[in-house]
Amino acid sequence: MNSNRWRRGLSVAEKTGLIALLLALLLGVFATPYTAAVPLVLFIVVCLIAPFLPQWSFFLPTICRGKKGASGIALTFDDGPFPASTPVLLELLAQYNLPATFFVTGKNAAAHPELIDAILTHGHTIGNHSYRHDNLLSLRSYRTIEQDIQETQDILGRAGIRPLVFRPPIGITSPRLQPILAHLELQTITFSCRIFDRGNRDVHDLASKVLKHLRPGDILLLHDNPPLNDDAKIDWSYELHRLFASLHQADRVVPLATLIDYPVMAFLNKQPERQL
């Protein structure tokens, strides 16, 4: 991989901070001290909001949708793998011949290596979604963040792959992610379409909600979590049938790597030259 890809420049946050500081200095000279504080206060407010809006790419470069002009969409599933849901997903994806990317947690991957193998055997790709799915991971210490992401890389490495993309839990980013992901050579991937299914706790009319909001170039966020009970699992499976049938008929789904023009993972010992 070209090391120039990871050469760190100033982030949008750093550039914005410098502009805010410069404006504050100029206003301090030509206006009142209270006026001079305005750009600094606005910068602080933006920094407090930005972690929850990763599509801004404020703290680090973030891919949230397909490359310019992309007409397809990519399916992504977060939080697995789980014995009660991942095999269902794999069967349905195979039935409709749809590619997907599974953003897995290290904890679940370690507990169910057979499901990681099954995902790969079905031809899908895998990304890093942290070890424990700590929703505030990006706000933790540098050491905690790096250990968490590296542990998941190590677990997936034992399955013969190296993820090249990282999706932070619930999409929250921070300036601390930038140097860590650059060091680990991971690209941040989030999403541009979600329906707030609450980890498959709300699957009512899921297919219609997705199809209503889906646009060309979207990275669709769905979940690999088991529904709450047997009735919900039946509803979830039915909604996925509806969604996948519609997407298959429209021939809209492409691999995530194709949509974003960036490899999602690399094989290690088994197939060292192959990237997906």
C-alpha atoms as a PDB file:
ATOM      1  CA  MET A   1       0.000   0.000   0.000  1.00  0.00           C
ATOM      2  CA  ASN A   2       1.293   3.437  -0.920  1.00  0.00           C
ATOM      3  CA  SER A   3       2.575   5.071   2.274  1.00  0.00           C
ATOM      4  CA  ASN A   4       1.834   8.517   0.803  1.00  0.00           C
ATOM      5  CA  ARG A   5      -1.838   7.720   1.337  1.00  0.00           C
ATOM      6  CA  TRP A   6      -1.229   8.045   5.064  1.00  0.00           C
ATOM      7  CA  ARG A   7       0.814  11.247   5.052  1.00  0.00           C
ATOM      8  CA  ARG A   8      -0.946  13.448   7.561  1.00  0.00           C
ATOM      9  CA  GLY A   9      -1.906  16.977   6.586  1.00  0.00           C
ATOM     10  CA  LEU A  10      -3.934  19.513   8.495  1.00  0.00           C
ATOM     11  CA  SER A  11      -7.474  18.337   9.181  1.00  0.00           C
ATOM     12  CA  VAL A  12     -10.517  20.522   8.571  1.00  0.00           C
ATOM     13  CA  ALA A  13     -10.714  20.995  12.351  1.00  0.00           C
ATOM     14  CA  GLU A  14      -7.110  22.217  12.547  1.00  0.00           C
ATOM     15  CA  LYS A  15      -7.571  24.586   9.606  1.00  0.00           C
ATOM     16  CA  THR A  16     -10.812  25.902  11.101  1.00  0.00           C
ATOM     17  CA  GLY A  17      -9.112  26.378  14.462  1.00  0.00           C
ATOM     18  CA  LEU A  18      -6.298  28.378  12.906  1.00  0.00           C
ATOM     19  CA  ILE A  19      -8.781  30.575  11.036  1.00  0.00           C
ATOM     20  CA  ALA A  20     -10.778  31.128  14.229  1.00  0.00           C
ATOM     21  CA  LEU A  21      -7.613  32.080  16.098  1.00  0.00           C
ATOM     22  CA  LEU A  22      -6.528  34.475  13.351  1.00  0.00           C
ATOM     23  CA  LEU A  23      -9.962  36.117  13.298  1.00  0.00           C
ATOM     24  CA  ALA A  24      -9.887  36.427  17.079  1.00  0.00           C
ATOM     25  CA  LEU A  25      -6.505  38.145  16.945  1.00  0.00           C
ATOM     26  CA  LEU A  26      -7.647  40.558  14.230  1.00  0.00           C
ATOM     27  CA  LEU A  27     -10.865  41.365  16.053  1.00  0.00           C
ATOM     28  CA  GLY A  28      -8.874  41.827  19.242  1.00  0.00           C
ATOM     29  CA  VAL A  29      -6.882  44.555  17.519  1.00  0.00           C
ATOM     30  CA  PHE A  30      -9.679  46.269  15.586  1.00  0.00           C
ATOM     31  CA  ALA A  31     -12.734  45.534  17.754  1.00  0.00           C
ATOM     32  CA  THR A  32     -13.672  44.774  21.345  1.00  0.00           C
ATOM     33  CA  PRO A  33     -12.387  41.769  23.361  1.00  0.00           C
ATOM     34  CA  TYR A  34     -15.946  40.416  23.491  1.00  0.00           C
ATOM     35  CA  THR A  35     -16.167  40.466  19.697  1.00  0.00           C
ATOM     36  CA  ALA A  36     -12.787  38.757  19.458  1.00  0.00           C
ATOM     37  CA  ALA A  37     -14.099  35.827  21.484  1.00  0.00           C
ATOM     38  CA  VAL A  38     -16.915  35.097  19.025  1.00  0.00           C
ATOM     39  CA  PRO A  39     -14.937  33.029  16.468  1.00  0.00           C
ATOM     40  CA  LEU A  40     -13.329  30.992  19.253  1.00  0.00           C
ATOM     41  CA  VAL A  41     -16.692  30.256  20.866  1.00  0.00           C
ATOM     42  CA  LEU A  42     -18.143  29.264  17.496  1.00  0.00           C
ATOM     43  CA  PHE A  43     -15.178  26.959  16.901  1.00  0.00           C
ATOM     44  CA  ILE A  44     -15.746  25.250  20.264  1.00  0.00           C
ATOM     45  CA  VAL A  45     -19.442  24.781  19.455  1.00  0.00           C
ATOM     46  CA  VAL A  46     -18.591  23.222  16.088  1.00  0.00           C
ATOM     47  CA  CYS A  47     -16.088  20.879  17.777  1.00  0.00           C
ATOM     48  CA  LEU A  48     -18.804  19.728  20.180  1.00  0.00           C
ATOM     49  CA  ILE A  49     -21.237  19.004  17.339  1.00  0.00           C
ATOM     50  CA  ALA A  50     -18.794  17.513  14.818  1.00  0.00           C
ATOM     51  CA  PRO A  51     -18.251  14.099  16.526  1.00  0.00           C
ATOM     52  CA  PHE A  52     -21.888  13.272  15.813  1.00  0.00           C
ATOM     53  CA  LEU A  53     -21.734  14.410  12.162  1.00  0.00           C
ATOM     54  CA  PRO A  54     -18.923  12.319  10.647  1.00  0.00           C
ATOM     55  CA  GLN A  55     -20.029  13.211   7.115  1.00  0.00           C
ATOM     56  CA  TRP A  56     -18.400  16.587   7.693  1.00  0.00           C
ATOM     57  CA  SER A  57     -14.957  14.908   7.706  1.00  0.00           C
ATOM     58  CA  PHE A  58     -14.132  17.555  10.288  1.00  0.00           C
ATOM     59  CA  PHE A  59     -11.564  15.684  12.374  1.00  0.00           C
ATOM     60  CA  LEU A  60     -10.326  13.198   9.764  1.00  0.00           C
ATOM     61  CA  PRO A  61     -11.121  12.103   6.195  1.00  0.00           C
ATOM     62  CA  THR A  62     -14.321  10.060   6.275  1.00  0.00           C
ATOM     63  CA  ILE A  63     -16.064   8.218   3.446  1.00  0.00           C
ATOM     64  CA  CYS A  64     -19.831   8.244   3.917  1.00  0.00           C
ATOM     65  CA  ARG A  65     -21.082   7.592   0.377  1.00  0.00           C
ATOM     66  CA  GLY A  66     -19.943   6.398  -3.042  1.00  0.00           C
ATOM     67  CA  LYS A  67     -17.518   8.135  -5.338  1.00  0.00           C
ATOM     68  CA  LYS A  68     -18.851  11.012  -7.436  1.00  0.00           C
ATOM     69  CA  GLY A  69     -21.232   9.821 -10.110  1.00  0.00           C
ATOM     70  CA  ALA A  70     -21.807   6.394  -8.517  1.00  0.00           C
ATOM     71  CA  SER A  71     -25.205   4.950  -9.399  1.00  0.00           C
ATOM     72  CA  GLY A  72     -25.167   1.814  -7.251  1.00  0.00           C
ATOM     73  CA  ILE A  73     -25.566   1.372  -3.513  1.00  0.00           C
ATOM     74  CA  ALA A  74     -23.625  -0.708  -0.972  1.00  0.00           C
ATOM     75  CA  LEU A  75     -25.093  -2.933   1.744  1.00  0.00           C
ATOM     76  CA  THR A  76     -23.359  -2.871   5.126  1.00  0.00           C
ATOM     77  CA  PHE A  77     -24.283  -4.708   8.318  1.00  0.00           C
ATOM     78  CA  ASP A  78     -22.986  -3.690  11.738  1.00  0.00           C
ATOM     79  CA  ASP A  79     -22.335  -5.340  15.113  1.00  0.00           C
ATOM     80  CA  GLY A  80     -22.159  -9.080  14.314  1.00  0.00           C
ATOM     81  CA  PRO A  81     -21.529 -11.828  13.881  1.00  0.00           C
ATOM     82  CA  PHE A  82     -24.287 -13.605  15.832  1.00  0.00           C
ATOM     83  CA  PRO A  83     -25.322 -17.273  15.518  1.00  0.00           C
ATOM     84  CA  ALA A  84     -29.008 -16.310  15.601  1.00  0.00           C
ATOM     85  CA  SER A  85     -28.894 -13.778  12.770  1.00  0.00           C
ATOM     86  CA  THR A  86     -25.748 -13.921  10.624  1.00  0.00           C
ATOM     87  CA  PRO A  87     -26.615 -17.280   8.955  1.00  0.00           C
ATOM     88  CA  VAL A  88     -30.066 -15.887   8.081  1.00  0.00           C
ATOM     89  CA  LEU A  89     -28.483 -12.850   6.463  1.00  0.00           C
ATOM     90  CA  LEU A  90     -25.976 -14.941   4.543  1.00  0.00           C
ATOM     91  CA  GLU A  91     -28.694 -17.234   3.220  1.00  0.00           C
ATOM     92  CA  LEU A  92     -30.833 -14.323   2.033  1.00  0.00           C
ATOM     93  CA  LEU A  93     -27.899 -12.488   0.459  1.00  0.00           C
ATOM     94  CA  ALA A  94     -26.960 -15.678  -1.395  1.00  0.00           C
ATOM     95  CA  GLN A  95     -30.547 -16.203  -2.536  1.00  0.00           C
ATOM     96  CA  TYR A  96     -30.597 -12.772  -4.182  1.00  0.00           C
ATOM     97  CA  ASN A  97     -26.908 -12.787  -5.164  1.00  0.00           C
ATOM     98  CA  LEU A  98     -26.131  -9.553  -3.321  1.00  0.00           C
ATOM     99  CA  PRO A  99     -22.669  -8.538  -2.035  1.00  0.00           C
ATOM    100  CA  ALA A 100     -22.318  -6.975   1.404  1.00  0.00           C
ATOM    101  CA  THR A 101     -19.767  -5.741   3.897  1.00  0.00           C
ATOM    102  CA  PHE A 102     -20.001  -6.839   7.519  1.00  0.00           C
ATOM    103  CA  PHE A 103     -18.553  -4.393  10.047  1.00  0.00           C
ATOM    104  CA  VAL A 104     -17.901  -6.818  12.883  1.00  0.00           C
ATOM    105  CA  THR A 105     -16.882  -6.332  16.493  1.00  0.00           C
ATOM    106  CA  GLY A 106     -13.751  -8.066  17.704  1.00  0.00           C
ATOM    107  CA  LYS A 107     -15.558  -9.566  20.687  1.00  0.00           C
ATOM    108  CA  ASN A 108     -18.161 -11.290  18.520  1.00  0.00           C
ATOM    109  CA  ALA A 109     -15.597 -12.299  15.903  1.00  0.00           C
ATOM    110  CA  ALA A 110     -13.487 -13.985  18.579  1.00  0.00           C
ATOM    111  CA  ALA A 111     -16.537 -15.796  19.977  1.00  0.00           C
ATOM    112  CA  HIS A 112     -17.730 -17.013  16.559  1.00  0.00           C
ATOM    113  CA  PRO A 113     -14.787 -17.539  14.186  1.00  0.00           C
ATOM    114  CA  GLU A 114     -16.893 -20.004  12.183  1.00  0.00           C
ATOM    115  CA  LEU A 115     -19.222 -17.140  11.240  1.00  0.00           C
ATOM    116  CA  ILE A 116     -16.303 -15.002  10.087  1.00  0.00           C
ATOM    117  CA  ASP A 117     -15.265 -17.916   7.871  1.00  0.00           C
ATOM    118  CA  ALA A 118     -18.844 -18.217   6.607  1.00  0.00           C
ATOM    119  CA  ILE A 119     -18.989 -14.516   5.691  1.00  0.00           C
ATOM    120  CA  LEU A 120     -15.762 -14.856   3.720  1.00  0.00           C
ATOM    121  CA  THR A 121     -16.804 -18.142   2.112  1.00  0.00           C
ATOM    122  CA  HIS A 122     -19.932 -16.417   0.791  1.00  0.00           C
ATOM    123  CA  GLY A 123     -17.728 -13.816  -0.869  1.00  0.00           C
ATOM    124  CA  HIS A 124     -18.500 -10.848   1.373  1.00  0.00           C
ATOM    125  CA  THR A 125     -16.037  -8.404   2.879  1.00  0.00           C
ATOM    126  CA  ILE A 126     -15.342  -7.493   6.490  1.00  0.00           C
ATOM    127  CA  GLY A 127     -14.513  -4.205   8.194  1.00  0.00           C
ATOM    128  CA  ASN A 128     -13.390  -3.301  11.719  1.00  0.00           C
ATOM    129  CA  HIS A 129     -16.173  -2.017  13.980  1.00  0.00           C
ATOM    130  CA  SER A 130     -14.163  -1.874  17.244  1.00  0.00           C
ATOM    131  CA  TYR A 131     -13.812  -4.602  19.856  1.00  0.00           C
ATOM    132  CA  ARG A 132     -16.676  -3.995  22.309  1.00  0.00           C
ATOM    133  CA  HIS A 133     -18.793  -1.435  20.431  1.00  0.00           C
ATOM    134  CA  ASP A 134     -18.199   1.233  23.046  1.00  0.00           C
ATOM    135  CA  ASN A 135     -20.397   4.077  21.765  1.00  0.00           C
ATOM    136  CA  LEU A 136     -17.956   6.664  23.132  1.00  0.00           C
ATOM    137  CA  LEU A 137     -14.808   4.882  21.998  1.00  0.00           C
ATOM    138  CA  SER A 138     -13.633   7.818  19.861  1.00  0.00           C
ATOM    139  CA  LEU A 139     -13.678  10.049  22.947  1.00  0.00           C
ATOM    140  CA  ARG A 140     -11.510   7.730  25.068  1.00  0.00           C
ATOM    141  CA  SER A 141      -7.749   8.033  25.574  1.00  0.00           C
ATOM    142  CA  TYR A 142      -5.365   7.445  22.660  1.00  0.00           C
ATOM    143  CA  ARG A 143      -4.156   4.220  24.250  1.00  0.00           C
ATOM    144  CA  THR A 144      -7.658   2.852  24.810  1.00  0.00           C
ATOM    145  CA  ILE A 145      -8.732   3.623  21.242  1.00  0.00           C
ATOM    146  CA  GLU A 146      -5.647   2.093  19.650  1.00  0.00           C
ATOM    147  CA  GLN A 147      -5.735  -1.056  21.805  1.00  0.00           C
ATOM    148  CA  ASP A 148      -9.412  -1.586  21.005  1.00  0.00           C
ATOM    149  CA  ILE A 149      -9.014  -1.246  17.236  1.00  0.00           C
ATOM    150  CA  GLN A 150      -5.732  -3.196  17.133  1.00  0.00           C
ATOM    151  CA  GLU A 151      -7.225  -6.090  19.113  1.00  0.00           C
ATOM    152  CA  THR A 152      -9.977  -6.431  16.521  1.00  0.00           C
ATOM    153  CA  GLN A 153      -7.390  -6.316  13.728  1.00  0.00           C
ATOM    154  CA  ASP A 154      -5.464  -9.108  15.449  1.00  0.00           C
ATOM    155  CA  ILE A 155      -8.564 -11.278  15.862  1.00  0.00           C
ATOM    156  CA  LEU A 156      -9.526 -10.888  12.209  1.00  0.00           C
ATOM    157  CA  GLY A 157      -5.919 -11.481  11.230  1.00  0.00           C
ATOM    158  CA  ARG A 158      -6.258 -14.981  12.650  1.00  0.00           C
ATOM    159  CA  ALA A 159      -9.044 -15.495  10.107  1.00  0.00           C
ATOM    160  CA  GLY A 160      -6.575 -14.622   7.355  1.00  0.00           C
ATOM    161  CA  ILE A 161      -7.694 -11.078   6.581  1.00  0.00           C
ATOM    162  CA  ARG A 162      -6.696  -7.513   7.345  1.00  0.00           C
ATOM    163  CA  PRO A 163      -9.521  -4.970   7.287  1.00  0.00           C
ATOM    164  CA  LEU A 164      -8.558  -1.716   5.596  1.00  0.00           C
ATOM    165  CA  VAL A 165     -11.619   0.211   6.784  1.00  0.00           C
ATOM    166  CA  PHE A 166     -12.940   1.160  10.222  1.00  0.00           C
ATOM    167  CA  ARG A 167     -16.462   2.197  11.159  1.00  0.00           C
ATOM    168  CA  PRO A 168     -16.594   3.895  14.565  1.00  0.00           C
ATOM    169  CA  PRO A 169     -19.468   2.822  16.833  1.00  0.00           C
ATOM    170  CA  ILE A 170     -22.616   4.825  15.941  1.00  0.00           C
ATOM    171  CA  GLY A 171     -20.421   6.922  13.649  1.00  0.00           C
ATOM    172  CA  ILE A 172     -18.886   9.151  16.347  1.00  0.00           C
ATOM    173  CA  THR A 173     -15.465  10.543  15.388  1.00  0.00           C
ATOM    174  CA  SER A 174     -12.894  12.672  17.182  1.00  0.00           C
ATOM    175  CA  PRO A 175      -9.466  14.225  16.527  1.00  0.00           C
ATOM    176  CA  ARG A 176      -7.883  11.316  18.416  1.00  0.00           C
ATOM    177  CA  LEU A 177      -8.863   8.890  15.673  1.00  0.00           C
ATOM    178  CA  GLN A 178      -6.776  10.633  13.014  1.00  0.00           C
ATOM    179  CA  PRO A 179      -3.238   9.629  14.084  1.00  0.00           C
ATOM    180  CA  ILE A 180      -4.356   6.187  15.302  1.00  0.00           C
ATOM    181  CA  LEU A 181      -6.081   5.190  12.072  1.00  0.00           C
ATOM    182  CA  ALA A 182      -3.218   6.611  10.030  1.00  0.00           C
ATOM    183  CA  HIS A 183      -0.785   4.467  12.024  1.00  0.00           C
ATOM    184  CA  LEU A 184      -2.955   1.360  11.564  1.00  0.00           C
ATOM    185  CA  GLU A 185      -3.576   2.228   7.886  1.00  0.00           C
ATOM    186  CA  LEU A 186      -7.343   2.214   8.265  1.00  0.00           C
ATOM    187  CA  GLN A 187      -9.786   4.424   6.379  1.00  0.00           C
ATOM    188  CA  THR A 188     -12.868   5.682   8.206  1.00  0.00           C
ATOM    189  CA  ILE A 189     -16.150   4.568   6.623  1.00  0.00           C
ATOM    190  CA  THR A 190     -19.551   5.634   7.889  1.00  0.00           C
ATOM    191  CA  PHE A 191     -22.856   5.729   5.969  1.00  0.00           C
ATOM    192  CA  SER A 192     -25.235   7.991   4.101  1.00  0.00           C
ATOM    193  CA  CYS A 193     -28.507   6.105   4.580  1.00  0.00           C
ATOM    194  CA  ARG A 194     -29.906   4.635   7.773  1.00  0.00           C
ATOM    195  CA  ILE A 195     -33.433   4.011   9.044  1.00  0.00           C
ATOM    196  CA  PHE A 196     -32.850   3.901  12.810  1.00  0.00           C
ATOM    197  CA  ASP A 197     -33.808   0.247  13.176  1.00  0.00           C
ATOM    198  CA  ARG A 198     -32.240   0.354  16.668  1.00  0.00           C
ATOM    199  CA  GLY A 199     -30.136  -2.724  16.054  1.00  0.00           C
ATOM    200  CA  ASN A 200     -33.116  -4.685  14.641  1.00  0.00           C
ATOM    201  CA  ARG A 201     -35.284  -3.813  17.639  1.00  0.00           C
ATOM    202  CA  ASP A 202     -37.616  -1.927  15.282  1.00  0.00           C
ATOM    203  CA  VAL A 203     -38.026  -3.798  11.983  1.00  0.00           C
ATOM    204  CA  HIS A 204     -41.593  -2.738  11.219  1.00  0.00           C
ATOM    205  CA  ASP A 205     -41.890  -1.840   7.516  1.00  0.00           C
ATOM    206  CA  LEU A 206     -38.089  -1.884   7.242  1.00  0.00           C
ATOM    207  CA  ALA A 207     -38.035  -2.528   3.480  1.00  0.00           C
ATOM    208  CA  SER A 208     -40.358   0.352   2.607  1.00  0.00           C
ATOM    209  CA  LYS A 209     -38.437   2.756   4.836  1.00  0.00           C
ATOM    210  CA  VAL A 210     -35.135   1.842   3.184  1.00  0.00           C
ATOM    211  CA  LEU A 211     -36.451   1.998  -0.369  1.00  0.00           C
ATOM    212  CA  LYS A 212     -38.082   5.365   0.320  1.00  0.00           C
ATOM    213  CA  HIS A 213     -34.825   6.972   1.418  1.00  0.00           C
ATOM    214  CA  LEU A 214     -32.227   5.134  -0.657  1.00  0.00           C
ATOM    215  CA  ARG A 215     -30.429   7.226  -3.282  1.00  0.00           C
ATOM    216  CA  PRO A 216     -27.708   6.456  -5.855  1.00  0.00           C
ATOM    217  CA  GLY A 217     -24.285   6.303  -4.238  1.00  0.00           C
ATOM    218  CA  ASP A 218     -25.623   5.549  -0.765  1.00  0.00           C
ATOM    219  CA  ILE A 219     -23.841   3.376   1.780  1.00  0.00           C
ATOM    220  CA  LEU A 220     -26.757   1.724   3.553  1.00  0.00           C
ATOM    221  CA  LEU A 221     -26.420   0.952   7.252  1.00  0.00           C
ATOM    222  CA  LEU A 222     -28.339  -2.076   8.517  1.00  0.00           C
ATOM    223  CA  HIS A 223     -27.638  -4.384  11.451  1.00  0.00           C
ATOM    224  CA  ASP A 224     -26.668  -8.002  12.017  1.00  0.00           C
ATOM    225  CA  ASN A 225     -28.125  -8.112  15.534  1.00  0.00           C
ATOM    226  CA  PRO A 226     -30.679 -10.812  16.380  1.00  0.00           C
ATOM    227  CA  PRO A 227     -34.243  -9.456  16.689  1.00  0.00           C
ATOM    228  CA  LEU A 228     -35.771  -9.507  20.155  1.00  0.00           C
ATOM    229  CA  ASN A 229     -37.946 -12.624  19.803  1.00  0.00           C
ATOM    230  CA  ASP A 230     -39.130 -15.273  17.350  1.00  0.00           C
ATOM    231  CA  ASP A 231     -41.993 -13.148  16.002  1.00  0.00           C
ATOM    232  CA  ALA A 232     -39.640 -10.206  15.410  1.00  0.00           C
ATOM    233  CA  LYS A 233     -37.176 -12.553  13.711  1.00  0.00           C
ATOM    234  CA  ILE A 234     -39.895 -13.703  11.306  1.00  0.00           C
ATOM    235  CA  ASP A 235     -40.787 -10.056  10.546  1.00  0.00           C
ATOM    236  CA  TRP A 236     -37.114  -9.183  10.065  1.00  0.00           C
ATOM    237  CA  SER A 237     -36.582 -12.057   7.639  1.00  0.00           C
ATOM    238  CA  TYR A 238     -39.725 -11.101   5.708  1.00  0.00           C
ATOM    239  CA  GLU A 239     -38.639  -7.452   5.439  1.00  0.00           C
ATOM    240  CA  LEU A 240     -35.177  -8.474   4.247  1.00  0.00           C
ATOM    241  CA  HIS A 241     -36.800 -10.687   1.598  1.00  0.00           C
ATOM    242  CA  ARG A 242     -38.792  -7.688   0.365  1.00  0.00           C
ATOM    243  CA  LEU A 243     -35.803  -5.367   0.413  1.00  0.00           C
ATOM    244  CA  PHE A 244     -33.351  -7.759  -1.222  1.00  0.00           C
ATOM    245  CA  ALA A 245     -35.849  -8.787  -3.916  1.00  0.00           C
ATOM    246  CA  SER A 246     -36.399  -5.140  -4.867  1.00  0.00           C
ATOM    247  CA  LEU A 247     -32.675  -4.341  -4.882  1.00  0.00           C
ATOM    248  CA  HIS A 248     -31.907  -7.463  -6.905  1.00  0.00           C
ATOM    249  CA  GLN A 249     -34.587  -6.672  -9.466  1.00  0.00           C
ATOM    250  CA  ALA A 250     -33.294  -3.118  -9.864  1.00  0.00           C
ATOM    251  CA  ASP A 251     -29.672  -4.375 -10.005  1.00  0.00           C
ATOM    252  CA  ARG A 252     -28.634  -1.596  -7.626  1.00  0.00           C
ATOM    253  CA  VAL A 253     -26.233  -3.295  -5.204  1.00  0.00           C
ATOM    254  CA  VAL A 254     -22.471  -3.250  -5.795  1.00  0.00           C
ATOM    255  CA  PRO A 255     -19.586  -4.210  -3.486  1.00  0.00           C
ATOM    256  CA  LEU A 256     -18.605  -1.441  -1.096  1.00  0.00           C
ATOM    257  CA  ALA A 257     -15.079  -1.403  -2.526  1.00  0.00           C
ATOM    258  CA  THR A 258     -16.508  -0.746  -6.001  1.00  0.00           C
ATOM    259  CA  LEU A 259     -18.813   2.005  -4.781  1.00  0.00           C
ATOM    260  CA  ILE A 260     -16.099   3.942  -2.963  1.00  0.00           C
ATOM    261  CA  ASP A 261     -13.187   2.921  -5.212  1.00  0.00           C
ATOM    262  CA  TYR A 262     -11.169   1.807  -2.192  1.00  0.00           C
ATOM    263  CA  PRO A 263     -10.301  -1.720  -0.952  1.00  0.00           C
ATOM    264  CA  VAL A 264     -12.237  -2.899   2.092  1.00  0.00           C
ATOM    265  CA  MET A 265      -9.916  -5.690   3.191  1.00  0.00           C
ATOM    266  CA  ALA A 266      -6.838  -7.643   2.159  1.00  0.00           C
ATOM    267  CA  PHE A 267      -6.179 -11.352   2.440  1.00  0.00           C
ATOM    268  CA  LEU A 268      -3.066 -12.354   4.339  1.00  0.00           C
ATOM    269  CA  ASN A 269      -1.453 -15.767   4.003  1.00  0.00           C
ATOM    270  CA  LYS A 270      -4.185 -17.432   1.978  1.00  0.00           C
ATOM    271  CA  GLN A 271      -4.422 -14.968  -0.908  1.00  0.00           C
ATOM    272  CA  PRO A 272      -1.801 -12.233  -0.350  1.00  0.00           C
ATOM    273  CA  GLU A 273      -2.415 -10.385  -3.614  1.00  0.00           C
ATOM    274  CA  ARG A 274      -6.174 -10.143  -3.364  1.00  0.00           C
ATOM    275  CA  GLN A 275      -7.961  -7.061  -2.080  1.00  0.00           C
ATOM    276  CA  LEU A 276     -11.728  -6.602  -1.804  1.00  0.00           C
END
